[in-house]
Amino acid sequence: MGSLYEKEGLMGLVNDMDKGEVWGGRLGNGVVEVGACWGVILVIRGI
């Protein structure tokens, strides 16, 4: 059998997204967080 590396596959992508590497570093991660918070506010208000 072959070996599986952590960076390969879906879990590697999830880890990169969690660290902000996919979204453009720290600034991109901040933009994603603000968008997510705004989405939660809109859902709570019923819009």
C-alpha atoms as a PDB file:
ATOM      1  CA  MET A   1       0.000   0.000   0.000  1.00  0.00           C
ATOM      2  CA  GLY A   2       1.047   3.566  -0.580  1.00  0.00           C
ATOM      3  CA  SER A   3       1.393   6.305   1.952  1.00  0.00           C
ATOM      4  CA  LEU A   4      -0.905   9.276   2.457  1.00  0.00           C
ATOM      5  CA  TYR A   5       0.467  12.736   3.093  1.00  0.00           C
ATOM      6  CA  GLU A   6      -1.364  15.260   5.253  1.00  0.00           C
ATOM      7  CA  LYS A   7      -1.267  17.991   2.582  1.00  0.00           C
ATOM      8  CA  GLU A   8      -2.974  15.797   0.008  1.00  0.00           C
ATOM      9  CA  GLY A   9      -6.688  15.342  -0.275  1.00  0.00           C
ATOM     10  CA  LEU A  10      -9.655  17.042   1.309  1.00  0.00           C
ATOM     11  CA  MET A  11      -8.231  17.345   4.820  1.00  0.00           C
ATOM     12  CA  GLY A  12      -5.152  19.120   3.487  1.00  0.00           C
ATOM     13  CA  LEU A  13      -7.399  21.669   1.761  1.00  0.00           C
ATOM     14  CA  VAL A  14      -9.470  22.100   4.935  1.00  0.00           C
ATOM     15  CA  ASN A  15      -6.302  22.697   6.979  1.00  0.00           C
ATOM     16  CA  ASP A  16      -5.050  25.275   4.456  1.00  0.00           C
ATOM     17  CA  MET A  17      -8.385  27.084   4.505  1.00  0.00           C
ATOM     18  CA  ASP A  18      -8.412  27.113   8.308  1.00  0.00           C
ATOM     19  CA  LYS A  19      -4.926  28.635   8.400  1.00  0.00           C
ATOM     20  CA  GLY A  20      -5.902  31.278   5.840  1.00  0.00           C
ATOM     21  CA  GLU A  21      -3.405  30.133   3.213  1.00  0.00           C
ATOM     22  CA  VAL A  22      -6.070  29.743   0.523  1.00  0.00           C
ATOM     23  CA  TRP A  23      -7.861  33.040   1.156  1.00  0.00           C
ATOM     24  CA  GLY A  24      -4.859  35.347   0.771  1.00  0.00           C
ATOM     25  CA  GLY A  25      -3.187  35.234   4.148  1.00  0.00           C
ATOM     26  CA  ARG A  26      -4.207  37.248   7.168  1.00  0.00           C
ATOM     27  CA  LEU A  27      -6.083  39.971   5.267  1.00  0.00           C
ATOM     28  CA  GLY A  28      -8.076  37.507   3.194  1.00  0.00           C
ATOM     29  CA  ASN A  29      -8.930  35.483   6.285  1.00  0.00           C
ATOM     30  CA  GLY A  30     -10.219  38.654   7.962  1.00  0.00           C
ATOM     31  CA  VAL A  31     -12.433  39.432   4.967  1.00  0.00           C
ATOM     32  CA  VAL A  32     -13.882  35.907   5.075  1.00  0.00           C
ATOM     33  CA  GLU A  33     -14.562  36.230   8.811  1.00  0.00           C
ATOM     34  CA  VAL A  34     -16.360  39.576   8.375  1.00  0.00           C
ATOM     35  CA  GLY A  35     -18.462  38.087   5.574  1.00  0.00           C
ATOM     36  CA  ALA A  36     -19.375  35.102   7.723  1.00  0.00           C
ATOM     37  CA  CYS A  37     -20.373  37.331  10.643  1.00  0.00           C
ATOM     38  CA  TRP A  38     -22.461  39.519   8.356  1.00  0.00           C
ATOM     39  CA  GLY A  39     -24.186  36.405   7.001  1.00  0.00           C
ATOM     40  CA  VAL A  40     -25.073  35.295  10.536  1.00  0.00           C
ATOM     41  CA  ILE A  41     -26.514  38.747  11.308  1.00  0.00           C
ATOM     42  CA  LEU A  42     -28.654  38.619   8.148  1.00  0.00           C
ATOM     43  CA  VAL A  43     -29.963  35.153   9.019  1.00  0.00           C
ATOM     44  CA  ILE A  44     -30.835  36.225  12.572  1.00  0.00           C
ATOM     45  CA  ARG A  45     -32.683  39.317  11.309  1.00  0.00           C
ATOM     46  CA  GLY A  46     -34.566  37.232   8.771  1.00  0.00           C
ATOM     47  CA  ILE A  47     -33.387  38.997   5.632  1.00  0.00           C
END
